[in-house]
Protein backbone atom coordinates (compact mmCIF):
# COMPACT_ATOMS: atom_id res chain seq x y z
CA MET A 1 0.00 0.00 0.00
CA ASN A 2 1.38 3.39 -1.03
CA LEU A 3 1.06 5.63 2.03
CA ARG A 4 2.87 8.62 0.47
CA PRO A 5 -0.37 10.45 -0.49
CA LEU A 6 -1.70 10.04 3.05
CA ILE A 7 1.58 11.26 4.55
CA ASP A 8 1.53 14.28 2.25
CA GLU A 9 -2.09 15.05 3.06
CA ILE A 10 -1.66 14.87 6.82
CA ALA A 11 1.56 16.89 6.76
CA SER A 12 -0.13 19.58 4.67
CA GLN A 13 -2.99 19.79 7.20
CA ALA A 14 -0.68 20.04 10.23
CA ASP A 15 -1.14 23.81 10.51
CA ASP A 16 -4.84 23.24 11.08
CA PHE A 17 -5.02 20.28 13.43
CA LEU A 18 -1.78 21.00 15.29
CA ASN A 19 -2.29 24.76 15.54
CA GLY A 20 -0.21 26.06 18.45
CA VAL A 21 1.38 22.70 19.26
CA THR A 22 5.13 22.99 19.77
CA ASP A 23 5.68 19.81 21.79
CA ARG A 24 6.67 16.80 19.72
CA GLN A 25 4.84 14.32 21.97
CA GLN A 26 1.62 16.33 21.68
CA ALA A 27 2.06 16.46 17.91
CA ARG A 28 2.59 12.70 17.69
CA ALA A 29 -0.51 12.16 19.85
CA GLY A 30 -2.51 14.49 17.60
CA ILE A 31 -1.40 12.64 14.49
CA ALA A 32 -2.25 9.29 16.12
CA GLU A 33 -5.71 10.57 17.06
CA LEU A 34 -6.34 11.87 13.53
CA LEU A 35 -5.28 8.52 12.06
CA SER A 36 -7.50 6.57 14.46
CA MET A 37 -10.54 8.71 13.75
CA ASP A 38 -10.17 9.36 10.02
CA TYR A 39 -8.35 6.21 8.86
CA PRO A 40 -9.54 3.32 11.06
CA GLN A 41 -8.80 0.86 8.25
CA LEU A 42 -5.05 1.33 8.78
CA GLY A 43 -3.39 -1.28 10.89
CA PRO A 44 -1.08 -0.37 13.77
CA ALA A 45 2.09 -0.80 11.70
CA ASP A 46 0.81 1.49 8.92
CA ARG A 47 -0.37 4.08 11.46
CA LYS A 48 3.08 4.12 13.05
CA LEU A 49 4.77 4.40 9.67
CA VAL A 50 2.53 7.31 8.63
CA SER A 51 3.02 9.02 11.99
CA ASP A 52 6.80 8.63 11.83
CA HIS A 53 6.97 10.03 8.30
CA VAL A 54 4.64 12.95 9.06
CA MET A 55 6.79 13.81 12.07
CA ALA A 56 9.89 13.68 9.84
CA VAL A 57 8.25 16.07 7.37
CA LEU A 58 7.34 18.43 10.22
CA GLU A 59 10.90 18.27 11.55
CA ASP A 60 12.29 19.00 8.05
CA GLU A 61 10.05 22.05 7.84
CA ASN A 62 10.99 23.29 11.32
CA PHE A 63 7.35 23.04 12.40
CA PHE A 64 8.37 22.83 16.05
CA ASP A 65 10.52 25.94 15.75
CA GLY A 66 7.52 28.08 14.89
CA GLY A 67 7.31 27.74 11.13
CA PHE A 68 5.74 25.37 8.66
CA ALA A 69 6.23 26.39 5.07
CA GLY A 70 4.99 23.21 3.41
CA HIS A 71 7.11 20.36 2.16
CA SER A 72 8.19 19.90 -1.41
CA PHE A 73 8.81 16.33 -2.48
CA ASN A 74 11.09 17.24 -5.36
CA ASP A 75 13.63 14.54 -4.52
CA GLU A 76 12.84 11.82 -7.05
CA SER A 77 14.33 9.05 -4.91
CA GLU A 78 12.00 9.96 -2.07
CA ALA A 79 8.96 10.29 -4.32
CA ASP A 80 9.44 6.79 -5.71
CA GLU A 81 9.40 5.04 -2.33
CA ASP A 82 6.43 2.79 -1.66
CA PHE A 83 5.49 3.06 2.00
């Protein structure tokens, strides 16, 4: 199952559902809650994978340092991965 579109979607919505969150544990809990509510069909392993990758995107974009400018997946090697 290709989880990249889901990872991209959740990361792009982070400004909305994680508004004001600067703590990484709170962010991870928020992502887990969103996945449980909106994507109950995902198994625990897929939820963890999505959560880990969304957190990585947020870290790359310095989300926890006060700014989230959106993530560009221009790196072809990353875009071709099948999560």
